[in-house]
Amino acid sequence: MKNSIDLFQRNLLYKEVFNDVIQCNEVTREYGLKLSDKDVKEIIDTRNIALQKSGRIEFNGQIINKIITAFCDSPY
């Protein structure tokens, strides 16, 4: 039962972070950039791997949003 609750909470958090990141498209669209669902999944998966390897936790995906919006107008 506890494993089911943990899995549900992780899935709920994943969906919340996914939706937050996909909303960045509203900002990046004016620069001709759009993240696909696949792009967002890769970003979240990479973030999760990095957090796991460093032993850190993050409660939301806000840092991802900040990075995306900070670099969306960059020529690189």
PDB file of N, CA and C in Angstrom:
ATOM      1  N   MET A   1       0.824  -1.195   0.000  1.00  0.00           N
ATOM      2  CA  MET A   1       0.000   0.000   0.000  1.00  0.00           C
ATOM      3  C   MET A   1       0.870   1.262   0.000  1.00  0.00           C
ATOM      4  N   LYS A   2       1.908   1.277   0.849  1.00  0.00           N
ATOM      5  CA  LYS A   2       2.786   2.447   0.921  1.00  0.00           C
ATOM      6  C   LYS A   2       3.465   2.682  -0.420  1.00  0.00           C
ATOM      7  N   ASN A   3       3.890   1.599  -1.086  1.00  0.00           N
ATOM      8  CA  ASN A   3       4.517   1.746  -2.404  1.00  0.00           C
ATOM      9  C   ASN A   3       3.549   2.358  -3.416  1.00  0.00           C
ATOM     10  N   SER A   4       2.282   1.982  -3.323  1.00  0.00           N
ATOM     11  CA  SER A   4       1.275   2.539  -4.231  1.00  0.00           C
ATOM     12  C   SER A   4       1.104   4.031  -3.998  1.00  0.00           C
ATOM     13  N   ILE A   5       1.103   4.441  -2.740  1.00  0.00           N
ATOM     14  CA  ILE A   5       0.966   5.859  -2.403  1.00  0.00           C
ATOM     15  C   ILE A   5       2.182   6.628  -2.886  1.00  0.00           C
ATOM     16  N   ASP A   6       3.383   6.081  -2.654  1.00  0.00           N
ATOM     17  CA  ASP A   6       4.608   6.737  -3.116  1.00  0.00           C
ATOM     18  C   ASP A   6       4.611   6.886  -4.630  1.00  0.00           C
ATOM     19  N   LEU A   7       4.221   5.837  -5.332  1.00  0.00           N
ATOM     20  CA  LEU A   7       4.173   5.868  -6.794  1.00  0.00           C
ATOM     21  C   LEU A   7       3.172   6.914  -7.278  1.00  0.00           C
ATOM     22  N   PHE A   8       2.013   6.967  -6.630  1.00  0.00           N
ATOM     23  CA  PHE A   8       0.995   7.952  -6.993  1.00  0.00           C
ATOM     24  C   PHE A   8       1.515   9.371  -6.783  1.00  0.00           C
ATOM     25  N   GLN A   9       2.158   9.616  -5.650  1.00  0.00           N
ATOM     26  CA  GLN A   9       2.677  10.948  -5.351  1.00  0.00           C
ATOM     27  C   GLN A   9       3.772  11.342  -6.335  1.00  0.00           C
ATOM     28  N   ARG A  10       4.653  10.411  -6.682  1.00  0.00           N
ATOM     29  CA  ARG A  10       5.702  10.699  -7.661  1.00  0.00           C
ATOM     30  C   ARG A  10       5.111  11.013  -9.025  1.00  0.00           C
ATOM     31  N   ASN A  11       4.104  10.239  -9.416  1.00  0.00           N
ATOM     32  CA  ASN A  11       3.450  10.451 -10.705  1.00  0.00           C
ATOM     33  C   ASN A  11       2.736  11.803 -10.728  1.00  0.00           C
ATOM     34  N   LEU A  12       2.100  12.146  -9.625  1.00  0.00           N
ATOM     35  CA  LEU A  12       1.413  13.429  -9.524  1.00  0.00           C
ATOM     36  C   LEU A  12       2.411  14.575  -9.611  1.00  0.00           C
ATOM     37  N   LEU A  13       3.537  14.457  -8.924  1.00  0.00           N
ATOM     38  CA  LEU A  13       4.578  15.480  -8.970  1.00  0.00           C
ATOM     39  C   LEU A  13       5.150  15.587 -10.382  1.00  0.00           C
ATOM     40  N   TYR A  14       5.371  14.449 -11.035  1.00  0.00           N
ATOM     41  CA  TYR A  14       5.890  14.443 -12.402  1.00  0.00           C
ATOM     42  C   TYR A  14       4.952  15.218 -13.327  1.00  0.00           C
ATOM     43  N   LYS A  15       3.652  14.943 -13.216  1.00  0.00           N
ATOM     44  CA  LYS A  15       2.676  15.630 -14.064  1.00  0.00           C
ATOM     45  C   LYS A  15       2.654  17.126 -13.777  1.00  0.00           C
ATOM     46  N   GLU A  16       2.778  17.489 -12.513  1.00  0.00           N
ATOM     47  CA  GLU A  16       2.786  18.906 -12.137  1.00  0.00           C
ATOM     48  C   GLU A  16       4.003  19.615 -12.736  1.00  0.00           C
ATOM     49  N   VAL A  17       5.171  18.997 -12.604  1.00  0.00           N
ATOM     50  CA  VAL A  17       6.394  19.578 -13.166  1.00  0.00           C
ATOM     51  C   VAL A  17       6.282  19.636 -14.686  1.00  0.00           C
ATOM     52  N   PHE A  18       5.786  18.572 -15.293  1.00  0.00           N
ATOM     53  CA  PHE A  18       5.610  18.529 -16.747  1.00  0.00           C
ATOM     54  C   PHE A  18       4.744  19.699 -17.216  1.00  0.00           C
ATOM     55  N   ASN A  19       3.612  19.896 -16.568  1.00  0.00           N
ATOM     56  CA  ASN A  19       2.705  20.976 -16.964  1.00  0.00           C
ATOM     57  C   ASN A  19       3.335  22.347 -16.759  1.00  0.00           C
ATOM     58  N   ASP A  20       4.086  22.505 -15.673  1.00  0.00           N
ATOM     59  CA  ASP A  20       4.775  23.780 -15.430  1.00  0.00           C
ATOM     60  C   ASP A  20       5.786  24.079 -16.531  1.00  0.00           C
ATOM     61  N   VAL A  21       6.536  23.067 -16.934  1.00  0.00           N
ATOM     62  CA  VAL A  21       7.559  23.268 -17.961  1.00  0.00           C
ATOM     63  C   VAL A  21       6.913  23.526 -19.318  1.00  0.00           C
ATOM     64  N   ILE A  22       5.868  22.804 -19.641  1.00  0.00           N
ATOM     65  CA  ILE A  22       5.208  22.984 -20.937  1.00  0.00           C
ATOM     66  C   ILE A  22       4.621  24.392 -21.046  1.00  0.00           C
ATOM     67  N   GLN A  23       4.266  24.989 -19.926  1.00  0.00           N
ATOM     68  CA  GLN A  23       3.734  26.356 -19.939  1.00  0.00           C
ATOM     69  C   GLN A  23       4.797  27.379 -20.333  1.00  0.00           C
ATOM     70  N   CYS A  24       6.052  27.007 -20.254  1.00  0.00           N
ATOM     71  CA  CYS A  24       7.128  27.904 -20.705  1.00  0.00           C
ATOM     72  C   CYS A  24       6.990  28.225 -22.185  1.00  0.00           C
ATOM     73  N   ASN A  25       6.282  27.376 -22.926  1.00  0.00           N
ATOM     74  CA  ASN A  25       6.087  27.620 -24.355  1.00  0.00           C
ATOM     75  C   ASN A  25       5.394  28.955 -24.611  1.00  0.00           C
ATOM     76  N   GLU A  26       4.595  29.406 -23.658  1.00  0.00           N
ATOM     77  CA  GLU A  26       3.930  30.695 -23.818  1.00  0.00           C
ATOM     78  C   GLU A  26       4.956  31.822 -23.892  1.00  0.00           C
ATOM     79  N   VAL A  27       6.040  31.706 -23.132  1.00  0.00           N
ATOM     80  CA  VAL A  27       7.097  32.721 -23.125  1.00  0.00           C
ATOM     81  C   VAL A  27       8.041  32.524 -24.308  1.00  0.00           C
ATOM     82  N   THR A  28       8.417  31.282 -24.567  1.00  0.00           N
ATOM     83  CA  THR A  28       9.431  31.006 -25.591  1.00  0.00           C
ATOM     84  C   THR A  28       8.893  31.124 -27.014  1.00  0.00           C
ATOM     85  N   ARG A  29       7.597  31.050 -27.161  1.00  0.00           N
ATOM     86  CA  ARG A  29       6.983  31.109 -28.499  1.00  0.00           C
ATOM     87  C   ARG A  29       7.367  32.390 -29.234  1.00  0.00           C
ATOM     88  N   GLU A  30       7.464  33.499 -28.508  1.00  0.00           N
ATOM     89  CA  GLU A  30       7.798  34.767 -29.171  1.00  0.00           C
ATOM     90  C   GLU A  30       9.223  34.773 -29.722  1.00  0.00           C
ATOM     91  N   TYR A  31      10.042  33.802 -29.308  1.00  0.00           N
ATOM     92  CA  TYR A  31      11.410  33.671 -29.830  1.00  0.00           C
ATOM     93  C   TYR A  31      11.514  32.538 -30.846  1.00  0.00           C
ATOM     94  N   GLY A  32      10.364  31.992 -31.233  1.00  0.00           N
ATOM     95  CA  GLY A  32      10.340  30.924 -32.222  1.00  0.00           C
ATOM     96  C   GLY A  32      10.716  29.561 -31.660  1.00  0.00           C
ATOM     97  N   LEU A  33      10.605  29.415 -30.351  1.00  0.00           N
ATOM     98  CA  LEU A  33      10.975  28.154 -29.702  1.00  0.00           C
ATOM     99  C   LEU A  33       9.748  27.498 -29.091  1.00  0.00           C
ATOM    100  N   LYS A  34       9.703  26.174 -29.191  1.00  0.00           N
ATOM    101  CA  LYS A  34       8.605  25.428 -28.583  1.00  0.00           C
ATOM    102  C   LYS A  34       9.128  24.073 -28.135  1.00  0.00           C
ATOM    103  N   LEU A  35       8.899  23.751 -26.878  1.00  0.00           N
ATOM    104  CA  LEU A  35       9.280  22.442 -26.351  1.00  0.00           C
ATOM    105  C   LEU A  35       8.172  21.440 -26.656  1.00  0.00           C
ATOM    106  N   SER A  36       8.550  20.307 -27.220  1.00  0.00           N
ATOM    107  CA  SER A  36       7.578  19.240 -27.453  1.00  0.00           C
ATOM    108  C   SER A  36       7.420  18.436 -26.165  1.00  0.00           C
ATOM    109  N   ASP A  37       6.420  17.571 -26.136  1.00  0.00           N
ATOM    110  CA  ASP A  37       6.241  16.696 -24.975  1.00  0.00           C
ATOM    111  C   ASP A  37       7.495  15.853 -24.747  1.00  0.00           C
ATOM    112  N   LYS A  38       8.086  15.378 -25.848  1.00  0.00           N
ATOM    113  CA  LYS A  38       9.303  14.565 -25.751  1.00  0.00           C
ATOM    114  C   LYS A  38      10.449  15.382 -25.152  1.00  0.00           C
ATOM    115  N   ASP A  39      10.588  16.637 -25.581  1.00  0.00           N
ATOM    116  CA  ASP A  39      11.634  17.510 -25.037  1.00  0.00           C
ATOM    117  C   ASP A  39      11.478  17.676 -23.526  1.00  0.00           C
ATOM    118  N   VAL A  40      10.247  17.925 -23.097  1.00  0.00           N
ATOM    119  CA  VAL A  40       9.985  18.144 -21.672  1.00  0.00           C
ATOM    120  C   VAL A  40      10.294  16.880 -20.875  1.00  0.00           C
ATOM    121  N   LYS A  41       9.893  15.728 -21.396  1.00  0.00           N
ATOM    122  CA  LYS A  41      10.176  14.465 -20.706  1.00  0.00           C
ATOM    123  C   LYS A  41      11.677  14.248 -20.563  1.00  0.00           C
ATOM    124  N   GLU A  42      12.436  14.551 -21.617  1.00  0.00           N
ATOM    125  CA  GLU A  42      13.893  14.396 -21.553  1.00  0.00           C
ATOM    126  C   GLU A  42      14.509  15.345 -20.532  1.00  0.00           C
ATOM    127  N   ILE A  43      14.020  16.578 -20.491  1.00  0.00           N
ATOM    128  CA  ILE A  43      14.527  17.545 -19.519  1.00  0.00           C
ATOM    129  C   ILE A  43      14.259  17.060 -18.096  1.00  0.00           C
ATOM    130  N   ILE A  44      13.045  16.604 -17.839  1.00  0.00           N
ATOM    131  CA  ILE A  44      12.685  16.135 -16.499  1.00  0.00           C
ATOM    132  C   ILE A  44      13.481  14.889 -16.131  1.00  0.00           C
ATOM    133  N   ASP A  45      13.618  13.952 -17.061  1.00  0.00           N
ATOM    134  CA  ASP A  45      14.383  12.732 -16.786  1.00  0.00           C
ATOM    135  C   ASP A  45      15.845  13.051 -16.485  1.00  0.00           C
ATOM    136  N   THR A  46      16.424  13.967 -17.254  1.00  0.00           N
ATOM    137  CA  THR A  46      17.817  14.364 -17.026  1.00  0.00           C
ATOM    138  C   THR A  46      17.964  15.038 -15.669  1.00  0.00           C
ATOM    139  N   ARG A  47      17.014  15.896 -15.330  1.00  0.00           N
ATOM    140  CA  ARG A  47      17.023  16.549 -14.017  1.00  0.00           C
ATOM    141  C   ARG A  47      16.956  15.509 -12.903  1.00  0.00           C
ATOM    142  N   ASN A  48      16.079  14.522 -13.054  1.00  0.00           N
ATOM    143  CA  ASN A  48      15.938  13.482 -12.032  1.00  0.00           C
ATOM    144  C   ASN A  48      17.228  12.688 -11.857  1.00  0.00           C
ATOM    145  N   ILE A  49      17.894  12.375 -12.955  1.00  0.00           N
ATOM    146  CA  ILE A  49      19.170  11.649 -12.884  1.00  0.00           C
ATOM    147  C   ILE A  49      20.210  12.494 -12.165  1.00  0.00           C
ATOM    148  N   ALA A  50      20.289  13.771 -12.520  1.00  0.00           N
ATOM    149  CA  ALA A  50      21.265  14.669 -11.883  1.00  0.00           C
ATOM    150  C   ALA A  50      20.993  14.805 -10.388  1.00  0.00           C
ATOM    151  N   LEU A  51      19.729  14.940 -10.020  1.00  0.00           N
ATOM    152  CA  LEU A  51      19.382  15.051  -8.600  1.00  0.00           C
ATOM    153  C   LEU A  51      19.739  13.775  -7.851  1.00  0.00           C
ATOM    154  N   GLN A  52      19.455  12.644  -8.463  1.00  0.00           N
ATOM    155  CA  GLN A  52      19.744  11.361  -7.826  1.00  0.00           C
ATOM    156  C   GLN A  52      21.246  11.166  -7.639  1.00  0.00           C
ATOM    157  N   LYS A  53      22.027  11.495  -8.650  1.00  0.00           N
ATOM    158  CA  LYS A  53      23.480  11.321  -8.569  1.00  0.00           C
ATOM    159  C   LYS A  53      24.109  12.244  -7.537  1.00  0.00           C
ATOM    160  N   SER A  54      23.524  13.424  -7.366  1.00  0.00           N
ATOM    161  CA  SER A  54      24.096  14.377  -6.411  1.00  0.00           C
ATOM    162  C   SER A  54      23.485  14.242  -5.017  1.00  0.00           C
ATOM    163  N   GLY A  55      22.479  13.383  -4.884  1.00  0.00           N
ATOM    164  CA  GLY A  55      21.854  13.172  -3.583  1.00  0.00           C
ATOM    165  C   GLY A  55      20.950  14.321  -3.163  1.00  0.00           C
ATOM    166  N   ARG A  56      20.503  15.103  -4.120  1.00  0.00           N
ATOM    167  CA  ARG A  56      19.644  16.251  -3.828  1.00  0.00           C
ATOM    168  C   ARG A  56      18.188  15.903  -4.120  1.00  0.00           C
ATOM    169  N   ILE A  57      17.305  16.703  -3.560  1.00  0.00           N
ATOM    170  CA  ILE A  57      15.887  16.591  -3.884  1.00  0.00           C
ATOM    171  C   ILE A  57      15.390  17.968  -4.302  1.00  0.00           C
ATOM    172  N   GLU A  58      14.341  17.971  -5.075  1.00  0.00           N
ATOM    173  CA  GLU A  58      13.722  19.214  -5.515  1.00  0.00           C
ATOM    174  C   GLU A  58      12.223  18.984  -5.454  1.00  0.00           C
ATOM    175  N   PHE A  59      11.509  19.922  -4.897  1.00  0.00           N
ATOM    176  CA  PHE A  59      10.081  19.725  -4.684  1.00  0.00           C
ATOM    177  C   PHE A  59       9.208  20.207  -5.838  1.00  0.00           C
ATOM    178  N   ASN A  60       9.779  20.968  -6.732  1.00  0.00           N
ATOM    179  CA  ASN A  60       9.025  21.404  -7.903  1.00  0.00           C
ATOM    180  C   ASN A  60      10.000  21.639  -9.044  1.00  0.00           C
ATOM    181  N   GLY A  61       9.478  21.944 -10.193  1.00  0.00           N
ATOM    182  CA  GLY A  61      10.346  22.128 -11.348  1.00  0.00           C
ATOM    183  C   GLY A  61      10.661  23.573 -11.653  1.00  0.00           C
ATOM    184  N   GLN A  62      10.533  24.431 -10.678  1.00  0.00           N
ATOM    185  CA  GLN A  62      10.696  25.861 -10.935  1.00  0.00           C
ATOM    186  C   GLN A  62      12.077  26.224 -11.463  1.00  0.00           C
ATOM    187  N   ILE A  63      13.101  25.524 -11.068  1.00  0.00           N
ATOM    188  CA  ILE A  63      14.446  25.847 -11.559  1.00  0.00           C
ATOM    189  C   ILE A  63      14.526  25.599 -13.063  1.00  0.00           C
ATOM    190  N   ILE A  64      13.839  24.574 -13.532  1.00  0.00           N
ATOM    191  CA  ILE A  64      13.814  24.294 -14.971  1.00  0.00           C
ATOM    192  C   ILE A  64      13.187  25.481 -15.704  1.00  0.00           C
ATOM    193  N   ASN A  65      12.065  25.963 -15.191  1.00  0.00           N
ATOM    194  CA  ASN A  65      11.384  27.101 -15.815  1.00  0.00           C
ATOM    195  C   ASN A  65      12.287  28.324 -15.848  1.00  0.00           C
ATOM    196  N   LYS A  66      12.990  28.563 -14.776  1.00  0.00           N
ATOM    197  CA  LYS A  66      13.881  29.725 -14.703  1.00  0.00           C
ATOM    198  C   LYS A  66      15.007  29.618 -15.729  1.00  0.00           C
ATOM    199  N   ILE A  67      15.560  28.437 -15.881  1.00  0.00           N
ATOM    200  CA  ILE A  67      16.636  28.234 -16.863  1.00  0.00           C
ATOM    201  C   ILE A  67      16.104  28.443 -18.281  1.00  0.00           C
ATOM    202  N   ILE A  68      14.950  27.873 -18.568  1.00  0.00           N
ATOM    203  CA  ILE A  68      14.365  28.000 -19.907  1.00  0.00           C
ATOM    204  C   ILE A  68      14.085  29.460 -20.236  1.00  0.00           C
ATOM    205  N   THR A  69      13.460  30.174 -19.317  1.00  0.00           N
ATOM    206  CA  THR A  69      13.120  31.572 -19.603  1.00  0.00           C
ATOM    207  C   THR A  69      14.355  32.466 -19.629  1.00  0.00           C
ATOM    208  N   ALA A  70      15.388  32.099 -18.886  1.00  0.00           N
ATOM    209  CA  ALA A  70      16.615  32.905 -18.894  1.00  0.00           C
ATOM    210  C   ALA A  70      17.366  32.782 -20.216  1.00  0.00           C
ATOM    211  N   PHE A  71      17.303  31.612 -20.848  1.00  0.00           N
ATOM    212  CA  PHE A  71      18.080  31.376 -22.065  1.00  0.00           C
ATOM    213  C   PHE A  71      17.262  31.413 -23.356  1.00  0.00           C
ATOM    214  N   CYS A  72      15.954  31.583 -23.271  1.00  0.00           N
ATOM    215  CA  CYS A  72      15.135  31.489 -24.488  1.00  0.00           C
ATOM    216  C   CYS A  72      15.418  32.603 -25.492  1.00  0.00           C
ATOM    217  N   ASP A  73      15.957  33.721 -25.034  1.00  0.00           N
ATOM    218  CA  ASP A  73      16.268  34.805 -25.968  1.00  0.00           C
ATOM    219  C   ASP A  73      17.741  34.825 -26.370  1.00  0.00           C
ATOM    220  N   SER A  74      18.469  33.803 -25.960  1.00  0.00           N
ATOM    221  CA  SER A  74      19.889  33.702 -26.273  1.00  0.00           C
ATOM    222  C   SER A  74      20.089  33.253 -27.725  1.00  0.00           C
ATOM    223  N   PRO A  75      21.097  33.786 -28.392  1.00  0.00           N
ATOM    224  CA  PRO A  75      21.355  33.331 -29.764  1.00  0.00           C
ATOM    225  C   PRO A  75      21.927  31.912 -29.806  1.00  0.00           C
ATOM    226  N   TYR A  76      22.282  31.352 -28.663  1.00  0.00           N
ATOM    227  CA  TYR A  76      22.846  30.006 -28.618  1.00  0.00           C
ATOM    228  C   TYR A  76      21.770  29.050 -28.248  1.00  0.00           C
TER     229      TYR A  76
END
